[in-house]
N, C-alpha and C. Protein backbone atom coordinates (compact mmCIF):
# COMPACT_ATOMS: atom_id res chain seq x y z
N MET A 1 26.71 -38.93 0.31
CA MET A 1 26.98 -40.35 -0.84
C MET A 1 26.01 -40.92 -0.52
N ILE A 2 26.22 -42.29 -2.15
CA ILE A 2 25.67 -42.79 -1.95
C ILE A 2 26.18 -44.03 -2.14
N SER A 3 25.77 -44.65 -1.12
CA SER A 3 26.65 -46.45 -0.69
C SER A 3 27.22 -46.99 -2.20
N LYS A 4 28.35 -47.99 -1.90
CA LYS A 4 28.55 -48.60 -2.71
C LYS A 4 28.12 -50.25 -2.76
N GLU A 5 27.04 -50.40 -1.32
CA GLU A 5 26.17 -51.07 -1.52
C GLU A 5 24.73 -51.13 -2.15
N GLU A 6 24.77 -50.05 -1.85
CA GLU A 6 23.10 -48.89 -2.82
C GLU A 6 23.89 -48.95 -4.10
N VAL A 7 24.87 -49.22 -4.57
CA VAL A 7 25.20 -49.02 -6.51
C VAL A 7 25.37 -50.30 -6.80
N LYS A 8 25.63 -50.90 -6.47
CA LYS A 8 25.55 -52.60 -6.53
C LYS A 8 23.76 -53.38 -6.72
N HIS A 9 23.07 -53.02 -5.50
CA HIS A 9 22.33 -53.01 -5.65
C HIS A 9 21.55 -53.06 -6.61
N ILE A 10 21.78 -51.25 -7.17
CA ILE A 10 20.78 -50.90 -8.18
C ILE A 10 20.93 -51.70 -9.35
N ALA A 11 23.01 -51.81 -9.48
CA ALA A 11 23.35 -52.53 -10.97
C ALA A 11 22.52 -54.21 -11.20
N LYS A 12 22.70 -54.46 -9.80
CA LYS A 12 21.65 -55.83 -10.47
C LYS A 12 20.39 -56.12 -10.43
N LEU A 13 19.58 -54.77 -9.86
CA LEU A 13 17.85 -55.03 -9.96
C LEU A 13 18.03 -54.08 -11.94
N ALA A 14 19.07 -54.31 -12.07
CA ALA A 14 19.18 -53.22 -13.50
C ALA A 14 20.07 -54.47 -14.70
N ARG A 15 20.00 -55.52 -13.84
CA ARG A 15 21.03 -56.76 -14.13
C ARG A 15 21.88 -56.28 -15.00
N LEU A 16 23.47 -55.17 -14.91
CA LEU A 16 24.48 -54.96 -15.23
C LEU A 16 25.40 -55.42 -14.07
N GLU A 17 26.37 -56.20 -14.97
CA GLU A 17 27.53 -56.23 -13.75
C GLU A 17 29.00 -55.24 -14.44
N LEU A 18 29.25 -54.96 -12.92
CA LEU A 18 29.97 -53.16 -12.91
C LEU A 18 31.36 -54.43 -12.42
N THR A 19 32.48 -53.17 -12.63
CA THR A 19 33.52 -53.38 -12.02
C THR A 19 33.98 -52.57 -10.78
N GLU A 20 34.69 -52.86 -10.21
CA GLU A 20 34.82 -51.84 -8.51
C GLU A 20 35.54 -50.54 -9.61
N LYS A 21 35.41 -50.33 -10.45
CA LYS A 21 36.14 -48.89 -10.99
C LYS A 21 35.23 -48.06 -11.58
N GLU A 22 33.53 -48.80 -12.09
CA GLU A 22 32.35 -48.07 -12.60
C GLU A 22 31.79 -48.29 -11.61
N ILE A 23 31.97 -49.18 -10.57
CA ILE A 23 31.00 -48.97 -9.59
C ILE A 23 31.37 -47.69 -8.87
N GLU A 24 32.46 -47.11 -9.04
CA GLU A 24 33.12 -46.23 -7.80
C GLU A 24 32.75 -44.74 -8.73
N LYS A 25 32.32 -44.93 -10.04
CA LYS A 25 32.75 -43.63 -10.76
C LYS A 25 31.07 -44.02 -10.58
N LEU A 26 29.98 -44.55 -10.96
CA LEU A 26 28.95 -44.34 -10.00
C LEU A 26 28.12 -44.18 -9.14
N GLN A 27 28.96 -44.12 -7.89
CA GLN A 27 28.52 -44.18 -6.96
C GLN A 27 28.80 -42.53 -6.87
N LYS A 28 30.22 -41.19 -7.61
CA LYS A 28 30.15 -40.27 -7.54
C LYS A 28 28.60 -39.97 -8.08
N ASP A 29 28.74 -40.36 -9.17
CA ASP A 29 27.35 -39.30 -10.58
C ASP A 29 26.42 -39.89 -9.64
N MET A 30 26.36 -41.04 -9.34
CA MET A 30 24.52 -41.43 -8.95
C MET A 30 24.17 -39.93 -7.82
N SER A 31 25.54 -40.04 -6.42
CA SER A 31 25.74 -38.92 -5.53
C SER A 31 25.07 -37.03 -6.19
N VAL A 32 26.46 -37.37 -7.25
CA VAL A 32 25.47 -35.96 -7.30
C VAL A 32 24.02 -35.30 -7.89
N ILE A 33 23.93 -36.45 -8.93
CA ILE A 33 22.18 -36.03 -9.51
C ILE A 33 21.71 -36.41 -8.41
N LEU A 34 21.36 -37.60 -6.87
CA LEU A 34 20.58 -36.73 -5.81
C LEU A 34 21.06 -35.99 -4.67
N ASP A 35 21.65 -34.93 -5.00
CA ASP A 35 22.05 -33.57 -4.52
C ASP A 35 21.79 -32.95 -5.30
N TYR A 36 21.42 -32.77 -6.47
CA TYR A 36 21.09 -32.38 -7.69
C TYR A 36 19.44 -32.22 -7.30
N PHE A 37 18.80 -32.94 -7.14
CA PHE A 37 17.04 -33.37 -6.34
C PHE A 37 17.01 -32.88 -5.25
N ASP A 38 17.97 -33.16 -4.21
CA ASP A 38 17.71 -32.21 -3.28
C ASP A 38 17.83 -30.63 -3.69
N LEU A 39 18.77 -29.94 -4.18
CA LEU A 39 18.88 -28.63 -4.50
C LEU A 39 17.26 -28.07 -5.23
N LEU A 40 16.81 -28.78 -6.08
CA LEU A 40 14.93 -28.68 -6.60
C LEU A 40 14.37 -28.42 -5.77
N GLN A 41 14.47 -30.09 -4.60
CA GLN A 41 12.96 -29.65 -3.86
C GLN A 41 13.12 -28.73 -2.33
N LYS A 42 14.30 -28.19 -2.25
CA LYS A 42 14.51 -26.73 -1.41
C LYS A 42 14.16 -25.26 -2.80
N ALA A 43 14.48 -25.81 -3.80
CA ALA A 43 13.87 -24.72 -4.52
C ALA A 43 12.62 -23.92 -4.14
N PRO A 44 12.31 -22.45 -3.99
CA PRO A 44 11.09 -21.35 -3.99
C PRO A 44 9.66 -22.67 -4.44
N LYS A 45 8.38 -23.07 -4.13
CA LYS A 45 7.38 -22.85 -4.93
C LYS A 45 7.40 -21.89 -5.85
N PRO A 46 6.50 -21.53 -7.16
CA PRO A 46 5.73 -20.26 -7.32
C PRO A 46 4.34 -20.54 -6.82
N LYS A 47 4.57 -18.86 -7.35
CA LYS A 47 3.27 -18.54 -6.46
C LYS A 47 2.43 -19.11 -7.62
N LYS A 48 1.34 -19.06 -6.54
CA LYS A 48 0.13 -19.16 -8.31
C LYS A 48 -0.32 -18.30 -8.73
N MET A 49 -0.77 -18.57 -10.02
CA MET A 49 0.25 -18.56 -11.45
C MET A 49 -1.59 -18.11 -12.11
N GLU A 50 -2.05 -16.72 -11.80
CA GLU A 50 -3.50 -16.21 -12.41
C GLU A 50 -3.22 -16.06 -13.70
N GLY A 51 -4.60 -17.17 -14.75
CA GLY A 51 -4.28 -16.51 -15.99
C GLY A 51 -4.05 -17.68 -16.95
N ILE A 52 -2.65 -18.53 -16.54
CA ILE A 52 -2.09 -19.75 -16.78
C ILE A 52 -3.56 -20.76 -17.05
N TYR A 53 -4.45 -20.95 -16.26
CA TYR A 53 -4.71 -22.19 -15.61
C TYR A 53 -6.94 -21.39 -16.00
N LYS A 54 -7.41 -21.49 -16.87
CA LYS A 54 -8.42 -21.44 -17.20
C LYS A 54 -9.65 -21.56 -15.59
N ASP A 55 -11.01 -21.57 -15.54
CA ASP A 55 -11.38 -22.72 -14.60
C ASP A 55 -11.53 -23.40 -14.53
N LEU A 56 -10.98 -25.01 -14.45
CA LEU A 56 -10.83 -26.00 -14.51
C LEU A 56 -12.36 -26.91 -14.74
N SER A 57 -12.99 -26.58 -13.89
CA SER A 57 -14.32 -26.71 -12.61
C SER A 57 -15.33 -26.49 -14.35
N SER A 58 -15.28 -25.77 -15.35
CA SER A 58 -16.25 -25.23 -15.94
C SER A 58 -15.50 -26.00 -18.08
N THR A 59 -16.56 -26.66 -18.37
CA THR A 59 -16.46 -27.45 -19.26
C THR A 59 -16.99 -27.56 -21.24
N ARG A 60 -16.37 -27.84 -22.35
CA ARG A 60 -17.28 -27.24 -22.81
C ARG A 60 -18.34 -28.15 -23.45
N LYS A 61 -18.76 -28.00 -23.97
CA LYS A 61 -20.19 -28.42 -25.03
C LYS A 61 -19.55 -29.64 -25.92
N ASP A 62 -20.02 -30.87 -25.14
CA ASP A 62 -19.56 -32.26 -25.78
C ASP A 62 -20.45 -31.95 -27.14
N GLU A 63 -20.00 -31.69 -28.85
CA GLU A 63 -20.02 -32.12 -29.61
C GLU A 63 -19.88 -33.49 -31.29
N ALA A 64 -20.85 -33.97 -31.38
CA ALA A 64 -20.13 -35.15 -32.04
C ALA A 64 -19.34 -34.13 -33.08
N ILE A 65 -18.95 -34.97 -33.95
CA ILE A 65 -17.90 -34.27 -35.27
C ILE A 65 -18.00 -35.81 -36.69
N SER A 66 -18.75 -34.69 -37.07
CA SER A 66 -18.95 -36.42 -38.11
C SER A 66 -17.64 -37.19 -39.26
N ASP A 67 -16.57 -38.29 -38.83
CA ASP A 67 -15.43 -38.80 -39.27
C ASP A 67 -15.23 -38.51 -40.39
N TYR A 68 -16.68 -38.70 -41.74
CA TYR A 68 -16.74 -38.33 -42.98
C TYR A 68 -16.20 -36.43 -43.14
N ASP A 69 -16.67 -35.82 -42.92
CA ASP A 69 -16.34 -34.48 -42.66
C ASP A 69 -15.50 -34.24 -42.43
N ILE A 70 -14.56 -34.54 -41.93
CA ILE A 70 -13.07 -34.93 -41.05
C ILE A 70 -12.13 -34.83 -42.18
N LYS A 71 -12.53 -36.60 -42.63
CA LYS A 71 -11.35 -37.63 -43.16
C LYS A 71 -11.59 -36.79 -45.47
N ASP A 72 -12.92 -35.73 -45.60
CA ASP A 72 -13.11 -35.41 -46.96
C ASP A 72 -11.81 -33.92 -46.42
N LYS A 73 -11.89 -33.56 -45.13
CA LYS A 73 -11.46 -31.71 -45.03
C LYS A 73 -9.40 -32.39 -45.54
N LEU A 74 -9.38 -33.24 -44.72
CA LEU A 74 -7.99 -34.13 -44.77
C LEU A 74 -7.38 -34.28 -45.97
N ILE A 75 -8.14 -35.03 -46.59
CA ILE A 75 -8.00 -35.70 -48.35
C ILE A 75 -7.56 -34.40 -48.74
N GLY A 76 -8.63 -33.74 -48.56
CA GLY A 76 -8.61 -32.51 -49.54
C GLY A 76 -7.42 -31.60 -49.76
N GLN A 77 -6.86 -31.43 -48.40
CA GLN A 77 -5.77 -30.93 -48.15
C GLN A 77 -4.22 -31.62 -48.27
N ALA A 78 -4.26 -32.89 -48.84
CA ALA A 78 -3.15 -33.04 -49.59
C ALA A 78 -2.54 -33.08 -50.81
N PRO A 79 -1.06 -33.22 -50.72
CA PRO A 79 -1.11 -32.79 -52.60
C PRO A 79 -1.11 -33.49 -53.51
N ASP A 80 -1.33 -35.58 -53.07
CA ASP A 80 -1.57 -36.52 -53.84
C ASP A 80 -2.32 -37.52 -53.09
N LYS A 81 -3.53 -37.77 -54.04
CA LYS A 81 -4.74 -38.68 -53.50
C LYS A 81 -5.15 -39.47 -54.14
N LYS A 82 -5.93 -40.69 -53.96
CA LYS A 82 -6.05 -41.73 -55.36
C LYS A 82 -7.45 -42.43 -54.56
N ASP A 83 -8.90 -42.05 -55.23
CA ASP A 83 -9.44 -43.57 -54.58
C ASP A 83 -9.67 -43.27 -52.98
N GLY A 84 -10.15 -41.88 -52.84
CA GLY A 84 -10.81 -41.51 -51.57
C GLY A 84 -9.38 -41.17 -50.21
N TYR A 85 -7.89 -41.61 -50.57
CA TYR A 85 -6.69 -41.57 -49.70
C TYR A 85 -5.93 -41.37 -49.46
N ILE A 86 -4.88 -41.13 -49.04
CA ILE A 86 -3.81 -39.96 -49.74
C ILE A 86 -2.28 -41.18 -49.72
N LYS A 87 -1.93 -40.39 -51.29
CA LYS A 87 -1.06 -41.54 -51.52
C LYS A 87 0.64 -40.91 -51.10
N VAL A 88 1.08 -41.48 -50.62
CA VAL A 88 2.32 -41.38 -50.20
C VAL A 88 3.65 -42.01 -51.20
N LYS A 89 5.23 -41.59 -50.73
CA LYS A 89 5.86 -42.43 -51.45
C LYS A 89 6.03 -43.90 -50.50
N SER A 90 6.21 -45.31 -51.51
CA SER A 90 6.55 -46.65 -50.89
C SER A 90 7.87 -46.67 -50.46
N ILE A 91 7.75 -46.94 -49.09
CA ILE A 91 8.26 -47.25 -48.15
C ILE A 91 9.24 -48.25 -47.89
N LEU A 92 8.51 -49.29 -48.23
CA LEU A 92 8.92 -50.68 -48.35
C LEU A 92 8.96 -51.56 -50.04
N GLN A 93 9.97 -52.02 -50.10
CA GLN A 93 10.50 -52.72 -51.14
C GLN A 93 10.05 -54.38 -51.21
């Protein structure tokens, strides 16, 4: 179980002022959380998953794409447009 001094130290780092009752509650809560992390660390590790990751040493060919082509496609798909821009509702008044 985490000690009260450790809880007080963590509270001081977080600039929290805690009552004795809050310290005791956090002591219990933090202990449960840390115990759960211990349980997770003891859990069996998954075997290597074949087929999930492709060969990471192979990379795709780097090809430049014109920003203009993408802009035109995006604006072309917008329901409302004006002067080459997407028109949206005003959110500021």
